[in-house]
Amino acid sequence: MNESNNLGILEKFVNTVMGVKTGNQQRYPNTSIATIQELDTRAVLLYTLGTILQIVVMILVLLGMGKLVILIDNNSSFLSWFSTSFTGLFFAILSIRSRIFSLLDNTRSRQTYDQVIRPRWSPPPLVFPIVWMIIAVLRVISSLLVWKQMNHQFLVLPLILFVVHLALGDTWNTIFTVERRLGAAVPVVILGPWLSAVVVTAIYWQTNPVAGMTLSFSCVWLTVAAVLVFRIWQLNGSEALYPLKLTPVEK
């Protein structure tokens, strides 16, 4: 009983930190979604514009942080470690809650994962927020190392690519978790979160090898996630690999 209670407390804590909703947050009643075999051009446009705007906003935030940290570093009333701690907090917020800068619906929910047919080797739902929490910590550490290597600058290529990676991940979450477009989620997870993670890890490695090694775990996990997304797509009908128009079915 104590073990079960401890697991429940852990699950609640992890889901709270990562913003995962475990209740009934369904967008459509049950799973009754009729898909029309037609490209949803409006959705493609929204994903594209939403991602671009999120990237622009986060780059502006990087610019603002750069100016703020310069003021902190030049102010003798602040201790020498203050700007590092402040920057670490910033990267933590960015890593866990990058979706606050997105105009798309980025609700974190177990709904889709709980309802689809999954391969036998698929991890239990609780594993995902735990792993992403670990990755968030690694992102903070690696980004801090890069930031220090770049002389406390924020508007630099490695960190710009980092926020691009976060934005692509948020858009993928909208496609898979929120809208349950299992087909579109396959190419997007490969060309978005996975590929951008590899690129960011590589440029972090070039900037600071320890930062690259620290971030490399995210590439391993995203490789597993990409394979899982592909298998879920296969096991659930193999719909078209592009956004189909969705229509709620009236009951």
Protein backbone atom coordinates (compact mmCIF):
# COMPACT_ATOMS: atom_id res chain seq x y z
CA MET A 1 0.00 0.00 0.00
CA ASN A 2 2.81 2.41 0.90
CA GLU A 3 4.56 1.61 -2.37
CA SER A 4 1.36 2.35 -4.29
CA ASN A 5 0.89 5.63 -2.40
CA ASN A 6 4.49 6.64 -3.05
CA LEU A 7 4.06 5.90 -6.75
CA GLY A 8 0.89 8.00 -6.79
CA ILE A 9 2.67 10.89 -5.08
CA LEU A 10 5.58 10.62 -7.54
CA GLU A 11 3.21 10.57 -10.50
CA LYS A 12 1.32 13.61 -9.23
CA PHE A 13 4.56 15.51 -8.59
CA VAL A 14 6.05 14.70 -12.00
CA ASN A 15 2.85 15.51 -13.87
CA THR A 16 2.49 18.79 -11.99
CA VAL A 17 6.06 19.88 -12.75
CA MET A 18 5.78 18.93 -16.41
CA GLY A 19 2.24 20.23 -16.79
CA VAL A 20 0.73 16.90 -17.85
CA LYS A 21 -3.03 16.61 -17.50
CA THR A 22 -4.24 13.12 -16.63
CA GLY A 23 -7.96 13.82 -16.47
CA ASN A 24 -10.50 13.65 -19.28
CA GLN A 25 -9.27 16.48 -21.47
CA GLN A 26 -10.62 15.12 -24.74
CA ARG A 27 -10.98 17.50 -27.62
CA TYR A 28 -13.66 15.37 -29.27
CA PRO A 29 -16.20 12.99 -27.66
CA ASN A 30 -14.58 9.58 -27.15
CA THR A 31 -12.42 8.78 -30.18
CA SER A 32 -15.06 9.39 -32.82
CA ILE A 33 -13.22 11.46 -35.38
CA ALA A 34 -14.12 11.06 -39.03
CA THR A 35 -11.13 11.77 -41.24
CA ILE A 36 -11.66 13.06 -44.75
CA GLN A 37 -8.87 12.03 -47.13
CA GLU A 38 -8.08 15.63 -47.93
CA LEU A 39 -5.15 17.80 -46.93
CA ASP A 40 -6.07 20.24 -44.18
CA THR A 41 -4.33 23.29 -45.62
CA ARG A 42 -5.60 25.48 -42.81
CA ALA A 43 -3.92 23.24 -40.25
CA VAL A 44 -0.63 23.29 -42.19
CA LEU A 45 -0.77 27.08 -42.29
CA LEU A 46 -1.52 27.29 -38.56
CA TYR A 47 1.32 24.92 -37.67
CA THR A 48 3.77 26.86 -39.84
CA LEU A 49 2.78 30.32 -38.64
CA GLY A 50 2.46 29.17 -35.03
CA THR A 51 5.95 27.66 -35.06
CA ILE A 52 7.53 30.68 -36.76
CA LEU A 53 5.88 33.12 -34.36
CA GLN A 54 6.95 31.06 -31.36
CA ILE A 55 10.55 31.03 -32.60
CA VAL A 56 10.49 34.79 -33.19
CA VAL A 57 9.08 35.45 -29.72
CA MET A 58 11.65 33.21 -28.04
CA ILE A 59 14.50 34.86 -29.98
CA LEU A 60 13.24 38.23 -28.75
CA VAL A 61 13.22 36.80 -25.24
CA LEU A 62 16.84 35.70 -25.73
CA LEU A 63 17.66 39.23 -26.85
CA GLY A 64 15.98 40.68 -23.77
CA MET A 65 17.78 38.24 -21.48
CA GLY A 66 21.08 39.22 -23.05
CA LYS A 67 20.52 42.86 -22.27
CA LEU A 68 19.30 42.09 -18.76
CA VAL A 69 22.28 39.89 -17.92
CA ILE A 70 24.67 42.59 -19.18
CA LEU A 71 23.10 44.99 -16.70
CA ILE A 72 23.44 42.41 -13.93
CA ASP A 73 27.07 41.65 -14.77
CA ASN A 74 27.93 45.35 -14.86
CA ASN A 75 26.21 46.06 -11.55
CA SER A 76 28.62 45.58 -8.66
CA SER A 77 25.76 45.24 -6.17
CA PHE A 78 25.02 41.73 -7.52
CA LEU A 79 27.16 38.80 -6.47
CA SER A 80 29.23 37.16 -9.21
CA TRP A 81 27.10 34.00 -9.23
CA PHE A 82 23.77 35.81 -9.52
CA SER A 83 23.68 36.07 -13.32
CA THR A 84 24.51 32.36 -13.63
CA SER A 85 21.71 31.37 -11.24
CA PHE A 86 19.30 33.73 -12.98
CA THR A 87 20.23 32.30 -16.38
CA GLY A 88 19.86 28.75 -15.08
CA LEU A 89 16.34 29.57 -13.89
CA PHE A 90 15.57 31.06 -17.29
CA PHE A 91 16.74 27.94 -19.12
CA ALA A 92 14.72 25.78 -16.70
CA ILE A 93 11.52 27.70 -17.45
CA LEU A 94 12.30 27.62 -21.16
CA SER A 95 12.94 23.86 -21.11
CA ILE A 96 9.81 22.94 -19.15
CA ARG A 97 7.36 25.60 -20.31
CA SER A 98 8.46 26.69 -23.79
CA ARG A 99 4.85 26.21 -24.87
CA ILE A 100 3.83 29.44 -23.07
CA PHE A 101 5.30 31.21 -26.09
CA SER A 102 3.21 29.21 -28.56
CA LEU A 103 -0.10 30.33 -30.04
CA LEU A 104 -1.07 26.70 -30.70
CA ASP A 105 -2.93 24.48 -28.25
CA ASN A 106 -0.08 22.70 -26.48
CA THR A 107 -1.96 20.94 -23.72
CA ARG A 108 0.16 18.16 -22.25
CA SER A 109 -2.11 15.17 -21.80
CA ARG A 110 -1.92 11.37 -21.69
CA GLN A 111 -5.20 11.13 -23.57
CA THR A 112 -3.94 10.13 -27.01
CA TYR A 113 -1.24 7.80 -25.70
CA ASP A 114 -3.71 6.05 -23.38
CA GLN A 115 -6.24 5.44 -26.16
CA VAL A 116 -4.20 4.33 -29.15
CA ILE A 117 -2.96 0.80 -29.82
CA ARG A 118 0.69 0.65 -28.76
CA PRO A 119 3.47 -1.88 -29.33
CA ARG A 120 4.27 -4.27 -26.48
CA TRP A 121 7.57 -2.57 -25.73
CA SER A 122 6.03 0.90 -25.34
CA PRO A 123 6.89 2.57 -21.99
CA PRO A 124 4.12 3.17 -19.42
CA PRO A 125 2.68 6.72 -19.49
CA LEU A 126 4.49 7.82 -16.30
CA VAL A 127 7.87 7.23 -17.93
CA PHE A 128 7.43 10.12 -20.36
CA PRO A 129 7.16 13.05 -17.93
CA ILE A 130 9.95 11.55 -15.80
CA VAL A 131 12.28 11.27 -18.79
CA TRP A 132 11.36 14.75 -20.03
CA MET A 133 12.07 16.13 -16.56
CA ILE A 134 15.53 14.55 -16.69
CA ILE A 135 16.06 15.95 -20.20
CA ALA A 136 14.97 19.39 -18.96
CA VAL A 137 17.70 19.26 -16.31
CA LEU A 138 20.26 18.20 -18.91
CA ARG A 139 19.12 21.03 -21.19
CA VAL A 140 19.67 23.55 -18.42
CA ILE A 141 23.16 22.25 -17.66
CA SER A 142 24.23 22.04 -21.30
CA SER A 143 22.76 25.45 -22.20
CA LEU A 144 24.48 27.05 -19.22
CA LEU A 145 27.80 25.58 -20.37
CA VAL A 146 27.24 26.97 -23.87
CA TRP A 147 26.18 30.34 -22.48
CA LYS A 148 29.35 30.56 -20.41
CA GLN A 149 31.46 29.44 -23.36
CA MET A 150 29.87 32.22 -25.45
CA ASN A 151 30.79 34.88 -22.86
CA HIS A 152 27.28 35.22 -21.38
CA GLN A 153 25.70 35.92 -24.77
CA PHE A 154 22.19 34.69 -25.55
CA LEU A 155 21.68 35.71 -29.16
CA VAL A 156 24.12 33.14 -30.52
CA LEU A 157 23.58 30.33 -33.02
CA PRO A 158 23.60 27.39 -30.54
CA LEU A 159 20.92 28.95 -28.32
CA ILE A 160 18.87 30.16 -31.29
CA LEU A 161 18.85 26.60 -32.64
CA PHE A 162 17.91 25.40 -29.17
CA VAL A 163 14.73 27.50 -29.10
CA VAL A 164 13.93 26.38 -32.66
CA HIS A 165 14.14 22.79 -31.38
CA LEU A 166 11.79 23.59 -28.50
CA ALA A 167 9.27 25.24 -30.83
CA LEU A 168 9.28 22.27 -33.21
CA GLY A 169 8.68 19.95 -30.28
CA ASP A 170 5.72 22.02 -29.12
CA THR A 171 4.18 21.98 -32.61
CA TRP A 172 4.60 18.21 -32.78
CA ASN A 173 2.81 17.93 -29.44
CA THR A 174 -0.13 19.85 -30.91
CA ILE A 175 -0.28 17.51 -33.90
CA PHE A 176 0.02 14.22 -31.99
CA THR A 177 -1.21 14.76 -28.44
CA VAL A 178 -3.86 17.44 -28.90
CA GLU A 179 -5.22 16.79 -32.40
CA ARG A 180 -4.32 13.10 -32.65
CA ARG A 181 -3.10 13.29 -36.23
CA LEU A 182 -1.14 10.04 -36.08
CA GLY A 183 -0.07 10.16 -39.72
CA ALA A 184 1.18 13.75 -39.78
CA ALA A 185 3.00 13.14 -36.50
CA VAL A 186 5.41 10.66 -38.15
CA PRO A 187 7.27 12.96 -40.60
CA VAL A 188 7.00 15.88 -38.19
CA VAL A 189 8.65 14.03 -35.29
CA ILE A 190 11.53 12.99 -37.58
CA LEU A 191 12.06 16.30 -39.37
CA GLY A 192 11.17 18.38 -36.31
CA PRO A 193 12.10 17.34 -32.74
CA TRP A 194 14.45 14.46 -33.68
CA LEU A 195 16.47 16.15 -36.44
CA SER A 196 16.67 19.47 -34.60
CA ALA A 197 17.85 17.65 -31.44
CA VAL A 198 20.69 16.08 -33.43
CA VAL A 199 21.64 19.47 -34.90
CA VAL A 200 21.53 21.24 -31.52
CA THR A 201 23.54 18.49 -29.86
CA ALA A 202 26.16 18.66 -32.61
CA ILE A 203 26.58 22.44 -32.38
CA TYR A 204 26.59 22.30 -28.57
CA TRP A 205 29.34 19.69 -28.85
CA GLN A 206 31.35 21.97 -31.16
CA THR A 207 30.93 24.85 -28.72
CA ASN A 208 31.58 22.85 -25.58
CA PRO A 209 32.09 19.05 -25.76
CA VAL A 210 30.72 18.51 -22.25
CA ALA A 211 27.54 20.38 -23.21
CA GLY A 212 27.14 18.18 -26.28
CA MET A 213 27.66 14.98 -24.32
CA THR A 214 25.18 16.17 -21.69
CA LEU A 215 22.51 16.90 -24.28
CA SER A 216 23.11 13.72 -26.30
CA PHE A 217 20.72 11.73 -24.06
CA SER A 218 17.83 13.70 -25.60
CA CYS A 219 18.81 12.35 -29.03
CA VAL A 220 18.68 8.79 -27.71
CA TRP A 221 15.26 9.32 -26.17
CA LEU A 222 13.87 11.10 -29.23
CA THR A 223 15.07 8.23 -31.40
CA VAL A 224 13.06 5.85 -29.23
CA ALA A 225 10.10 8.25 -29.33
CA ALA A 226 10.26 8.56 -33.14
CA VAL A 227 10.24 4.78 -33.55
CA LEU A 228 7.32 4.56 -31.11
CA VAL A 229 5.36 7.20 -33.04
CA PHE A 230 6.00 5.27 -36.26
CA ARG A 231 4.80 1.98 -34.72
CA ILE A 232 1.70 3.63 -33.26
CA TRP A 233 0.91 4.98 -36.71
CA GLN A 234 1.28 1.49 -38.21
CA LEU A 235 -0.85 -0.18 -35.54
CA ASN A 236 -3.67 2.36 -35.77
CA GLY A 237 -4.57 2.31 -39.44
CA SER A 238 -1.59 3.96 -41.16
CA GLU A 239 -3.47 7.10 -42.12
CA ALA A 240 -1.98 9.52 -44.63
CA LEU A 241 1.31 11.10 -43.58
CA TYR A 242 -0.10 14.61 -43.76
CA PRO A 243 -2.76 16.52 -41.79
CA LEU A 244 -6.22 15.28 -42.77
CA LYS A 245 -9.32 17.32 -42.23
CA LEU A 246 -10.94 16.30 -38.94
CA THR A 247 -14.68 16.23 -38.32
CA PRO A 248 -16.26 15.49 -34.92
CA VAL A 249 -18.89 12.75 -35.25
CA GLU A 250 -22.22 13.68 -33.71
CA LYS A 251 -23.76 10.99 -31.52
